C-alpha atoms as a PDB file:
ATOM      1  CA  UNK A   1      35.450  20.292  20.358  1.00  0.00           C
ATOM      2  CA  UNK A   2      34.659  16.633  21.091  1.00  0.00           C
ATOM      3  CA  UNK A   3      31.973  17.566  23.622  1.00  0.00           C
ATOM      4  CA  UNK A   4      30.477  20.081  21.181  1.00  0.00           C
ATOM      5  CA  UNK A   5      30.221  17.444  18.473  1.00  0.00           C
ATOM      6  CA  UNK A   6      28.610  14.991  20.873  1.00  0.00           C
ATOM      7  CA  UNK A   7      26.133  17.621  22.024  1.00  0.00           C
ATOM      8  CA  UNK A   8      25.297  18.517  18.423  1.00  0.00           C
ATOM      9  CA  UNK A   9      24.767  14.849  17.598  1.00  0.00           C
ATOM     10  CA  UNK A  10      22.523  14.402  20.638  1.00  0.00           C
ATOM     11  CA  UNK A  11      20.437  17.404  19.557  1.00  0.00           C
ATOM     12  CA  UNK A  12      20.197  16.000  16.027  1.00  0.00           C
ATOM     13  CA  UNK A  13      19.132  12.564  17.315  1.00  0.00           C
ATOM     14  CA  UNK A  14      16.532  14.175  19.582  1.00  0.00           C
ATOM     15  CA  UNK A  15      15.081  16.061  16.653  1.00  0.00           C
ATOM     16  CA  UNK A  16      14.973  12.883  14.579  1.00  0.00           C
ATOM     17  CA  UNK A  17      12.953  11.071  17.247  1.00  0.00           C
ATOM     18  CA  UNK A  18      10.281  13.792  17.277  1.00  0.00           C
ATOM     19  CA  UNK A  19       8.286  12.548  14.341  1.00  0.00           C
ATOM     20  CA  UNK A  20       5.127  14.245  13.139  1.00  0.00           C
ATOM     21  CA  UNK A  21       2.568  12.898  10.712  1.00  0.00           C
ATOM     22  CA  UNK A  22       2.557  16.289   8.975  1.00  0.00           C
ATOM     23  CA  UNK A  23       6.245  15.870   8.141  1.00  0.00           C
ATOM     24  CA  UNK A  24       5.604  12.585   6.354  1.00  0.00           C
ATOM     25  CA  UNK A  25       2.390  13.488   4.543  1.00  0.00           C
ATOM     26  CA  UNK A  26       2.814  17.189   3.763  1.00  0.00           C
ATOM     27  CA  UNK A  27       6.113  18.918   4.579  1.00  0.00           C
ATOM     28  CA  UNK A  28       8.634  16.687   2.805  1.00  0.00           C
ATOM     29  CA  UNK A  29       6.441  15.798  -0.224  1.00  0.00           C
ATOM     30  CA  UNK A  30       5.600  19.518  -0.590  1.00  0.00           C
ATOM     31  CA  UNK A  31       9.302  20.385  -0.565  1.00  0.00           C
ATOM     32  CA  UNK A  32       9.908  17.705  -3.214  1.00  0.00           C
ATOM     33  CA  UNK A  33       7.107  19.214  -5.307  1.00  0.00           C
ATOM     34  CA  UNK A  34       8.534  22.725  -4.933  1.00  0.00           C
ATOM     35  CA  UNK A  35      11.982  21.662  -6.156  1.00  0.00           C
ATOM     36  CA  UNK A  36      10.469  19.851  -9.157  1.00  0.00           C
ATOM     37  CA  UNK A  37       8.443  22.968 -10.016  1.00  0.00           C
ATOM     38  CA  UNK A  38      11.522  25.202  -9.779  1.00  0.00           C
ATOM     39  CA  UNK A  39      13.505  22.880 -12.040  1.00  0.00           C
ATOM     40  CA  UNK A  40      10.614  22.517 -14.519  1.00  0.00           C
ATOM     41  CA  UNK A  41      10.193  26.313 -14.663  1.00  0.00           C
ATOM     42  CA  UNK A  42      13.898  26.800 -15.373  1.00  0.00           C
ATOM     43  CA  UNK A  43      13.911  24.153 -18.101  1.00  0.00           C
ATOM     44  CA  UNK A  44      10.784  25.668 -19.631  1.00  0.00           C
ATOM     45  CA  UNK A  45      12.390  29.114 -19.614  1.00  0.00           C
ATOM     46  CA  UNK A  46      15.628  27.850 -21.152  1.00  0.00           C
ATOM     47  CA  UNK A  47      13.659  26.246 -24.001  1.00  0.00           C
ATOM     48  CA  UNK A  48      12.776  29.744 -25.247  1.00  0.00           C
ATOM     49  CA  UNK A  49      16.401  30.894 -25.481  1.00  0.00           C
ATOM     50  CA  UNK A  50      17.490  30.614 -29.159  1.00  0.00           C
ATOM     51  CA  UNK A  51      21.168  30.021 -28.321  1.00  0.00           C
ATOM     52  CA  UNK A  52      20.279  26.986 -26.182  1.00  0.00           C
ATOM     53  CA  UNK A  53      17.847  25.538 -28.721  1.00  0.00           C
ATOM     54  CA  UNK A  54      20.599  25.532 -31.375  1.00  0.00           C
ATOM     55  CA  UNK A  55      22.985  23.437 -29.240  1.00  0.00           C
ATOM     56  CA  UNK A  56      23.665  20.045 -30.929  1.00  0.00           C
ATOM     57  CA  UNK A  57      21.853  17.079 -29.326  1.00  0.00           C
ATOM     58  CA  UNK A  58      19.979  19.449 -27.011  1.00  0.00           C
ATOM     59  CA  UNK A  59      17.145  16.917 -26.588  1.00  0.00           C
ATOM     60  CA  UNK A  60      19.495  14.230 -25.250  1.00  0.00           C
ATOM     61  CA  UNK A  61      21.265  16.754 -23.016  1.00  0.00           C
ATOM     62  CA  UNK A  62      17.909  17.911 -21.616  1.00  0.00           C
ATOM     63  CA  UNK A  63      16.877  14.325 -20.835  1.00  0.00           C
ATOM     64  CA  UNK A  64      20.179  13.625 -19.053  1.00  0.00           C
ATOM     65  CA  UNK A  65      19.960  16.845 -17.025  1.00  0.00           C
ATOM     66  CA  UNK A  66      16.347  16.059 -16.088  1.00  0.00           C
ATOM     67  CA  UNK A  67      17.228  12.535 -14.931  1.00  0.00           C
ATOM     68  CA  UNK A  68      20.196  13.745 -12.877  1.00  0.00           C
ATOM     69  CA  UNK A  69      18.117  16.518 -11.287  1.00  0.00           C
ATOM     70  CA  UNK A  70      15.297  14.077 -10.493  1.00  0.00           C
ATOM     71  CA  UNK A  71      17.731  11.641  -8.850  1.00  0.00           C
ATOM     72  CA  UNK A  72      19.214  14.376  -6.661  1.00  0.00           C
ATOM     73  CA  UNK A  73      15.797  15.755  -5.670  1.00  0.00           C
ATOM     74  CA  UNK A  74      14.541  12.247  -4.857  1.00  0.00           C
ATOM     75  CA  UNK A  75      17.683  11.522  -2.847  1.00  0.00           C
ATOM     76  CA  UNK A  76      17.136  14.742  -0.903  1.00  0.00           C
ATOM     77  CA  UNK A  77      13.532  13.719  -0.159  1.00  0.00           C
ATOM     78  CA  UNK A  78      14.523  10.283   1.139  1.00  0.00           C
ATOM     79  CA  UNK A  79      17.465  11.647   3.127  1.00  0.00           C
ATOM     80  CA  UNK A  80      15.270  14.226   4.896  1.00  0.00           C
ATOM     81  CA  UNK A  81      12.542  11.784   5.900  1.00  0.00           C
ATOM     82  CA  UNK A  82      12.874  11.350   9.694  1.00  0.00           C
ATOM     83  CA  UNK A  83      12.721   7.564   9.955  1.00  0.00           C
ATOM     84  CA  UNK A  84      13.831   6.573  13.460  1.00  0.00           C
ATOM     85  CA  UNK A  85      12.241   4.210  15.979  1.00  0.00           C
ATOM     86  CA  UNK A  86       9.002   3.877  14.002  1.00  0.00           C
ATOM     87  CA  UNK A  87       6.698   1.622  16.002  1.00  0.00           C
ATOM     88  CA  UNK A  88       3.814  -0.494  14.725  1.00  0.00           C
ATOM     89  CA  UNK A  89       1.301   2.221  15.592  1.00  0.00           C
ATOM     90  CA  UNK A  90       3.433   4.912  13.940  1.00  0.00           C
ATOM     91  CA  UNK A  91       3.799   2.810  10.801  1.00  0.00           C
ATOM     92  CA  UNK A  92       0.071   2.169  10.446  1.00  0.00           C
ATOM     93  CA  UNK A  93      -0.635   5.884  10.976  1.00  0.00           C
ATOM     94  CA  UNK A  94       1.848   6.901   8.267  1.00  0.00           C
ATOM     95  CA  UNK A  95       0.819   4.224   5.758  1.00  0.00           C
ATOM     96  CA  UNK A  96      -2.928   4.700   6.235  1.00  0.00           C
ATOM     97  CA  UNK A  97      -2.438   8.452   5.941  1.00  0.00           C
ATOM     98  CA  UNK A  98      -0.518   8.018   2.702  1.00  0.00           C
ATOM     99  CA  UNK A  99      -3.216   5.762   1.284  1.00  0.00           C
ATOM    100  CA  UNK A 100      -6.149   8.006   2.218  1.00  0.00           C
ATOM    101  CA  UNK A 101      -4.377  11.153   1.019  1.00  0.00           C
ATOM    102  CA  UNK A 102      -3.287   9.541  -2.247  1.00  0.00           C
ATOM    103  CA  UNK A 103      -6.840   8.349  -2.958  1.00  0.00           C
ATOM    104  CA  UNK A 104      -8.198  11.880  -2.438  1.00  0.00           C
ATOM    105  CA  UNK A 105      -5.479  13.475  -4.570  1.00  0.00           C
ATOM    106  CA  UNK A 106      -5.754  10.830  -7.276  1.00  0.00           C
ATOM    107  CA  UNK A 107      -9.505  11.467  -7.485  1.00  0.00           C
ATOM    108  CA  UNK A 108      -8.823  15.194  -7.865  1.00  0.00           C
ATOM    109  CA  UNK A 109      -6.123  14.518 -10.469  1.00  0.00           C
ATOM    110  CA  UNK A 110      -8.440  12.298 -12.503  1.00  0.00           C
ATOM    111  CA  UNK A 111     -11.118  14.995 -12.292  1.00  0.00           C
ATOM    112  CA  UNK A 112      -8.659  17.586 -13.639  1.00  0.00           C
ATOM    113  CA  UNK A 113      -7.644  15.170 -16.391  1.00  0.00           C
ATOM    114  CA  UNK A 114     -11.268  14.722 -17.446  1.00  0.00           C
ATOM    115  CA  UNK A 115     -11.775  18.486 -17.311  1.00  0.00           C
ATOM    116  CA  UNK A 116      -8.788  19.138 -19.589  1.00  0.00           C
ATOM    117  CA  UNK A 117      -9.976  16.487 -22.042  1.00  0.00           C
ATOM    118  CA  UNK A 118     -13.397  18.130 -22.132  1.00  0.00           C
ATOM    119  CA  UNK A 119     -12.035  21.649 -22.752  1.00  0.00           C
ATOM    120  CA  UNK A 120     -10.434  23.365 -25.724  1.00  0.00           C
ATOM    121  CA  UNK A 121      -8.258  26.460 -25.196  1.00  0.00           C
ATOM    122  CA  UNK A 122      -9.210  29.085 -27.753  1.00  0.00           C
ATOM    123  CA  UNK A 123     -10.020  32.781 -28.075  1.00  0.00           C
ATOM    124  CA  UNK A 124     -11.844  32.129 -31.337  1.00  0.00           C
ATOM    125  CA  UNK A 125     -15.546  31.210 -31.324  1.00  0.00           C
ATOM    126  CA  UNK A 126     -17.529  29.845 -34.234  1.00  0.00           C
ATOM    127  CA  UNK A 127     -20.427  32.171 -35.021  1.00  0.00           C
ATOM    128  CA  UNK A 128     -23.508  31.853 -37.195  1.00  0.00           C
ATOM    129  CA  UNK A 129     -23.145  34.001 -40.345  1.00  0.00           C
ATOM    130  CA  UNK A 130     -26.805  34.946 -40.439  1.00  0.00           C
ATOM    131  CA  UNK A 131     -27.500  35.677 -36.762  1.00  0.00           C
ATOM    132  CA  UNK A 132     -23.987  36.386 -35.492  1.00  0.00           C
ATOM    133  CA  UNK A 133     -24.638  34.153 -32.472  1.00  0.00           C
ATOM    134  CA  UNK A 134     -21.880  31.895 -31.094  1.00  0.00           C
ATOM    135  CA  UNK A 135     -22.355  28.272 -32.128  1.00  0.00           C
ATOM    136  CA  UNK A 136     -21.566  26.048 -29.120  1.00  0.00           C
ATOM    137  CA  UNK A 137     -19.021  23.250 -29.547  1.00  0.00           C
ATOM    138  CA  UNK A 138     -20.893  19.975 -29.108  1.00  0.00           C
ATOM    139  CA  UNK A 139     -17.773  18.004 -28.175  1.00  0.00           C
ATOM    140  CA  UNK A 140     -15.683  20.395 -26.051  1.00  0.00           C
ATOM    141  CA  UNK A 141     -16.033  23.391 -23.786  1.00  0.00           C
ATOM    142  CA  UNK A 142     -14.181  26.367 -25.205  1.00  0.00           C
ATOM    143  CA  UNK A 143     -12.243  28.240 -22.513  1.00  0.00           C
ATOM    144  CA  UNK A 144      -9.529  30.872 -22.581  1.00  0.00           C
ATOM    145  CA  UNK A 145      -5.912  29.676 -22.951  1.00  0.00           C
ATOM    146  CA  UNK A 146      -5.014  31.373 -19.648  1.00  0.00           C
ATOM    147  CA  UNK A 147      -7.619  29.379 -17.722  1.00  0.00           C
ATOM    148  CA  UNK A 148      -6.556  26.194 -19.495  1.00  0.00           C
ATOM    149  CA  UNK A 149      -2.909  26.842 -18.554  1.00  0.00           C
ATOM    150  CA  UNK A 150      -3.897  27.357 -14.911  1.00  0.00           C
ATOM    151  CA  UNK A 151      -5.720  24.008 -14.929  1.00  0.00           C
ATOM    152  CA  UNK A 152      -2.653  22.379 -16.509  1.00  0.00           C
ATOM    153  CA  UNK A 153      -0.358  23.809 -13.820  1.00  0.00           C
ATOM    154  CA  UNK A 154      -2.641  22.577 -11.017  1.00  0.00           C
ATOM    155  CA  UNK A 155      -2.794  19.170 -12.729  1.00  0.00           C
ATOM    156  CA  UNK A 156       1.012  19.028 -12.874  1.00  0.00           C
ATOM    157  CA  UNK A 157       1.418  20.106  -9.230  1.00  0.00           C
ATOM    158  CA  UNK A 158      -1.006  17.410  -8.024  1.00  0.00           C
ATOM    159  CA  UNK A 159       0.782  14.794 -10.154  1.00  0.00           C
ATOM    160  CA  UNK A 160       4.216  15.726  -8.755  1.00  0.00           C
ATOM    161  CA  UNK A 161       2.864  15.762  -5.192  1.00  0.00           C
ATOM    162  CA  UNK A 162       1.413  12.281  -5.750  1.00  0.00           C
ATOM    163  CA  UNK A 163       4.843  11.170  -6.969  1.00  0.00           C
ATOM    164  CA  UNK A 164       6.447  12.631  -3.836  1.00  0.00           C
ATOM    165  CA  UNK A 165       4.161  10.811  -1.403  1.00  0.00           C
ATOM    166  CA  UNK A 166       4.520   7.633  -3.485  1.00  0.00           C
ATOM    167  CA  UNK A 167       8.325   7.744  -3.114  1.00  0.00           C
ATOM    168  CA  UNK A 168       8.018   8.497   0.613  1.00  0.00           C
ATOM    169  CA  UNK A 169       5.545   5.634   0.938  1.00  0.00           C
ATOM    170  CA  UNK A 170       7.950   3.157  -0.648  1.00  0.00           C
ATOM    171  CA  UNK A 171      10.779   4.361   1.581  1.00  0.00           C
ATOM    172  CA  UNK A 172       8.911   3.912   4.874  1.00  0.00           C
ATOM    173  CA  UNK A 173       7.675   0.468   3.783  1.00  0.00           C
ATOM    174  CA  UNK A 174      11.225  -0.550   2.837  1.00  0.00           C
ATOM    175  CA  UNK A 175      12.585   0.626   6.200  1.00  0.00           C
ATOM    176  CA  UNK A 176       9.792  -1.117   8.113  1.00  0.00           C
ATOM    177  CA  UNK A 177      10.488  -4.379   6.234  1.00  0.00           C
ATOM    178  CA  UNK A 178      14.152  -4.139   7.249  1.00  0.00           C
ATOM    179  CA  UNK A 179      13.128  -3.444  10.847  1.00  0.00           C
ATOM    180  CA  UNK A 180      11.201  -6.703  10.790  1.00  0.00           C
ATOM    181  CA  UNK A 181      14.429  -8.570   9.948  1.00  0.00           C
ATOM    182  CA  UNK A 182      14.376  -8.786   6.149  1.00  0.00           C
ATOM    183  CA  UNK A 183      17.548  -8.209   4.145  1.00  0.00           C
ATOM    184  CA  UNK A 184      17.479  -5.018   2.099  1.00  0.00           C
ATOM    185  CA  UNK A 185      18.484  -6.709  -1.151  1.00  0.00           C
ATOM    186  CA  UNK A 186      15.756  -9.330  -0.703  1.00  0.00           C
ATOM    187  CA  UNK A 187      13.177  -6.562  -0.245  1.00  0.00           C
ATOM    188  CA  UNK A 188      14.409  -4.946  -3.482  1.00  0.00           C
ATOM    189  CA  UNK A 189      14.162  -8.284  -5.319  1.00  0.00           C
ATOM    190  CA  UNK A 190      10.482  -8.470  -4.327  1.00  0.00           C
ATOM    191  CA  UNK A 191       9.724  -5.239  -6.211  1.00  0.00           C
ATOM    192  CA  UNK A 192       7.418  -4.429  -7.814  1.00  0.00           C
ATOM    193  CA  UNK A 193       4.835  -7.210  -7.799  1.00  0.00           C
ATOM    194  CA  UNK A 194       5.306  -8.832  -4.375  1.00  0.00           C
ATOM    195  CA  UNK A 195       6.657  -5.828  -2.460  1.00  0.00           C
ATOM    196  CA  UNK A 196       3.454  -5.892  -0.398  1.00  0.00           C
ATOM    197  CA  UNK A 197       4.576  -9.194   1.158  1.00  0.00           C
ATOM    198  CA  UNK A 198       7.657  -7.531   2.678  1.00  0.00           C
ATOM    199  CA  UNK A 199       5.903  -4.730   4.587  1.00  0.00           C
ATOM    200  CA  UNK A 200       2.623  -6.554   5.231  1.00  0.00           C
ATOM    201  CA  UNK A 201       3.992  -8.219   8.405  1.00  0.00           C
ATOM    202  CA  UNK A 202       5.124  -4.821   9.688  1.00  0.00           C
ATOM    203  CA  UNK A 203       1.570  -3.550   9.271  1.00  0.00           C
ATOM    204  CA  UNK A 204      -0.222  -6.555  10.751  1.00  0.00           C
ATOM    205  CA  UNK A 205       2.152  -7.628  13.544  1.00  0.00           C
ATOM    206  CA  UNK A 206       2.235  -5.367  16.599  1.00  0.00           C
ATOM    207  CA  UNK A 207       5.379  -4.644  18.604  1.00  0.00           C
ATOM    208  CA  UNK A 208       6.299  -3.149  21.945  1.00  0.00           C
ATOM    209  CA  UNK A 209       8.119  -0.096  20.571  1.00  0.00           C
ATOM    210  CA  UNK A 210       7.155   3.221  22.098  1.00  0.00           C
ATOM    211  CA  UNK A 211       5.280   5.598  19.793  1.00  0.00           C
ATOM    212  CA  UNK A 212       7.299   8.643  18.720  1.00  0.00           C
ATOM    213  CA  UNK A 213       4.847  10.031  16.171  1.00  0.00           C
ATOM    214  CA  UNK A 214       2.946  13.210  16.943  1.00  0.00           C
ATOM    215  CA  UNK A 215      -0.547  13.309  15.406  1.00  0.00           C
ATOM    216  CA  UNK A 216      -2.122  16.732  15.820  1.00  0.00           C
ATOM    217  CA  UNK A 217      -5.451  15.696  14.301  1.00  0.00           C
ATOM    218  CA  UNK A 218      -7.696  14.341  17.086  1.00  0.00           C
ATOM    219  CA  UNK A 219      -9.977  12.348  14.787  1.00  0.00           C
ATOM    220  CA  UNK A 220      -7.060  10.696  12.990  1.00  0.00           C
ATOM    221  CA  UNK A 221      -5.365   9.895  16.299  1.00  0.00           C
ATOM    222  CA  UNK A 222      -8.560   8.177  17.514  1.00  0.00           C
ATOM    223  CA  UNK A 223      -8.874   6.408  14.161  1.00  0.00           C
ATOM    224  CA  UNK A 224      -5.306   5.068  14.364  1.00  0.00           C
ATOM    225  CA  UNK A 225      -5.802   3.866  17.939  1.00  0.00           C
ATOM    226  CA  UNK A 226      -8.912   1.992  16.775  1.00  0.00           C
ATOM    227  CA  UNK A 227      -6.960   0.393  13.899  1.00  0.00           C
ATOM    228  CA  UNK A 228      -4.204  -0.989  16.157  1.00  0.00           C
ATOM    229  CA  UNK A 229      -6.464  -1.791  19.119  1.00  0.00           C
ATOM    230  CA  UNK A 230      -6.895  -5.412  17.977  1.00  0.00           C
ATOM    231  CA  UNK A 231      -5.891  -7.671  15.093  1.00  0.00           C
ATOM    232  CA  UNK A 232      -9.414  -7.771  13.605  1.00  0.00           C
ATOM    233  CA  UNK A 233      -9.492  -3.994  13.156  1.00  0.00           C
ATOM    234  CA  UNK A 234      -5.990  -4.032  11.669  1.00  0.00           C
ATOM    235  CA  UNK A 235      -6.898  -6.806   9.230  1.00  0.00           C
ATOM    236  CA  UNK A 236     -10.092  -5.016   8.207  1.00  0.00           C
ATOM    237  CA  UNK A 237      -8.286  -1.743   7.426  1.00  0.00           C
ATOM    238  CA  UNK A 238      -5.507  -3.556   5.584  1.00  0.00           C
ATOM    239  CA  UNK A 239      -7.923  -5.424   3.336  1.00  0.00           C
ATOM    240  CA  UNK A 240     -10.040  -2.311   2.767  1.00  0.00           C
ATOM    241  CA  UNK A 241      -7.264   0.192   2.050  1.00  0.00           C
ATOM    242  CA  UNK A 242      -4.630  -1.914   0.340  1.00  0.00           C
ATOM    243  CA  UNK A 243      -6.598  -4.584  -1.512  1.00  0.00           C
ATOM    244  CA  UNK A 244     -10.209  -3.637  -2.254  1.00  0.00           C
ATOM    245  CA  UNK A 245      -9.462   0.025  -3.018  1.00  0.00           C
ATOM    246  CA  UNK A 246      -7.503  -1.248  -6.023  1.00  0.00           C
ATOM    247  CA  UNK A 247     -10.875  -1.498  -7.762  1.00  0.00           C
ATOM    248  CA  UNK A 248     -10.977   2.291  -7.606  1.00  0.00           C
ATOM    249  CA  UNK A 249      -7.951   2.430  -9.930  1.00  0.00           C
ATOM    250  CA  UNK A 250      -8.863  -0.521 -12.131  1.00  0.00           C
ATOM    251  CA  UNK A 251     -12.091  -2.492 -12.455  1.00  0.00           C
ATOM    252  CA  UNK A 252     -10.192  -5.622 -13.521  1.00  0.00           C
ATOM    253  CA  UNK A 253     -10.750  -8.404 -11.007  1.00  0.00           C
ATOM    254  CA  UNK A 254      -7.040  -9.335 -11.028  1.00  0.00           C
ATOM    255  CA  UNK A 255      -6.228  -6.090  -9.177  1.00  0.00           C
ATOM    256  CA  UNK A 256      -7.970  -7.634  -6.170  1.00  0.00           C
ATOM    257  CA  UNK A 257      -7.312 -11.346  -6.686  1.00  0.00           C
ATOM    258  CA  UNK A 258      -3.521 -11.050  -6.942  1.00  0.00           C
ATOM    259  CA  UNK A 259      -2.949  -9.104  -3.679  1.00  0.00           C
ATOM    260  CA  UNK A 260      -5.515 -11.379  -2.014  1.00  0.00           C
ATOM    261  CA  UNK A 261      -3.422 -14.360  -3.105  1.00  0.00           C
ATOM    262  CA  UNK A 262      -0.302 -12.740  -1.590  1.00  0.00           C
ATOM    263  CA  UNK A 263      -2.246 -12.061   1.604  1.00  0.00           C
ATOM    264  CA  UNK A 264      -3.328 -15.718   1.697  1.00  0.00           C
ATOM    265  CA  UNK A 265       0.327 -16.800   1.347  1.00  0.00           C
ATOM    266  CA  UNK A 266       1.235 -14.554   4.282  1.00  0.00           C
ATOM    267  CA  UNK A 267      -1.593 -16.004   6.407  1.00  0.00           C
ATOM    268  CA  UNK A 268      -0.509 -19.550   5.482  1.00  0.00           C
ATOM    269  CA  UNK A 269       3.076 -18.890   6.574  1.00  0.00           C
ATOM    270  CA  UNK A 270       1.831 -17.149   9.729  1.00  0.00           C
ATOM    271  CA  UNK A 271      -0.417 -20.099  10.595  1.00  0.00           C
ATOM    272  CA  UNK A 272       2.288 -22.708  10.011  1.00  0.00           C
ATOM    273  CA  UNK A 273       5.142 -20.930  11.808  1.00  0.00           C
ATOM    274  CA  UNK A 274       2.913 -19.300  14.481  1.00  0.00           C
ATOM    275  CA  UNK A 275       5.002 -17.338  17.021  1.00  0.00           C
ATOM    276  CA  UNK A 276       8.257 -18.007  15.159  1.00  0.00           C
ATOM    277  CA  UNK A 277       7.035 -16.336  11.947  1.00  0.00           C
ATOM    278  CA  UNK A 278       9.306 -13.299  12.347  1.00  0.00           C
ATOM    279  CA  UNK A 279      12.327 -15.621  12.573  1.00  0.00           C
ATOM    280  CA  UNK A 280      11.290 -17.381   9.343  1.00  0.00           C
ATOM    281  CA  UNK A 281      10.570 -14.196   7.402  1.00  0.00           C
ATOM    282  CA  UNK A 282      14.099 -13.849   6.037  1.00  0.00           C
ATOM    283  CA  UNK A 283      14.109 -17.464   4.880  1.00  0.00           C
ATOM    284  CA  UNK A 284      11.320 -19.330   3.121  1.00  0.00           C
ATOM    285  CA  UNK A 285       8.731 -16.539   3.314  1.00  0.00           C
ATOM    286  CA  UNK A 286      10.759 -13.865   1.533  1.00  0.00           C
ATOM    287  CA  UNK A 287      12.064 -16.357  -1.032  1.00  0.00           C
ATOM    288  CA  UNK A 288       8.470 -17.244  -1.851  1.00  0.00           C
ATOM    289  CA  UNK A 289       7.853 -13.547  -2.537  1.00  0.00           C
ATOM    290  CA  UNK A 290      11.011 -13.266  -4.675  1.00  0.00           C
ATOM    291  CA  UNK A 291      10.142 -16.317  -6.808  1.00  0.00           C
ATOM    292  CA  UNK A 292       6.583 -15.092  -7.423  1.00  0.00           C
ATOM    293  CA  UNK A 293       7.936 -11.659  -8.328  1.00  0.00           C
ATOM    294  CA  UNK A 294      10.449 -13.204 -10.763  1.00  0.00           C
ATOM    295  CA  UNK A 295       7.668 -15.187 -12.422  1.00  0.00           C
ATOM    296  CA  UNK A 296       5.522 -12.043 -12.705  1.00  0.00           C
ATOM    297  CA  UNK A 297       8.390  -9.989 -14.172  1.00  0.00           C
ATOM    298  CA  UNK A 298       9.087 -12.649 -16.815  1.00  0.00           C
ATOM    299  CA  UNK A 299       5.368 -12.852 -17.656  1.00  0.00           C
ATOM    300  CA  UNK A 300       5.131  -9.064 -17.900  1.00  0.00           C
ATOM    301  CA  UNK A 301       8.146  -8.849 -20.244  1.00  0.00           C
ATOM    302  CA  UNK A 302       6.736 -11.645 -22.385  1.00  0.00           C
ATOM    303  CA  UNK A 303       3.349  -9.890 -22.663  1.00  0.00           C
ATOM    304  CA  UNK A 304       5.062  -6.585 -23.484  1.00  0.00           C
ATOM    305  CA  UNK A 305       7.051  -8.228 -26.314  1.00  0.00           C
ATOM    306  CA  UNK A 306       3.899  -9.812 -27.749  1.00  0.00           C
ATOM    307  CA  UNK A 307       2.090  -6.460 -27.565  1.00  0.00           C
ATOM    308  CA  UNK A 308       4.946  -4.644 -29.331  1.00  0.00           C
ATOM    309  CA  UNK A 309       5.012  -7.294 -32.043  1.00  0.00           C
ATOM    310  CA  UNK A 310       1.271  -6.873 -32.595  1.00  0.00           C
ATOM    311  CA  UNK A 311       1.685  -3.103 -32.953  1.00  0.00           C
ATOM    312  CA  UNK A 312       4.555  -3.567 -35.407  1.00  0.00           C
ATOM    313  CA  UNK A 313       2.408  -5.603 -37.799  1.00  0.00           C
END
């Protein structure tokens, strides 16, 4: 029995070391999306059962059930992600893939959002009394409810998939930050505003770990090799994907200036400490990130209170 358990564990560990980019970007997020869709369908179906609707405090019960289900599905996603021996090259491949895929999907999601806002589901058309011709709606496109529902379902699926890859993205960044020597609780205290400072060194600093990630796409494999071939290429892709693409989400200049400031802090620490930077990461560097994050959280709460007070007037 002991030998069987050891053999089973060795097989499990071997499987865990065989990482594929498809697993990170498609398989596990797709499974997360499928479970959310199954749960949402069940909850939607239950909402049409009269006996369930009449249950006291059904709204609160539904919210609690939804939160519990979401926690379990998210836990299952994180638990199934095959993080083991992720090298610098593997990490850049996963993170860049997440960023590129999320930008494409977010563009599609925004397009679907605009399409839904521009359409009105209706089987009724306004007609001219004299001619009997349909009078076109000048503000919205009138489409059938069935087509509108299909667009809504696709919109929801894309949104859930984006949520899945976002959660996976945070997980791999958190694990990489810990691999670089940072304490887990310090990484958590840097969230959300200065979280980039914790995984930034793992993206920019190369290591001697052997790559265990299988990339079946030839063009993406060549692209990733180019990214990690030298520090200039790595810096260029980091600034392009994780700082300047923020303008795609928001045109406000602060979306670029703030992460640039955090990048400048990293470069300052890297320049001062030089080769011993990794040893200093869990000391002054991470505490700088935590203090900035604390200041940002307090500022955000203060602005939220002021905004709520203005709405209450």
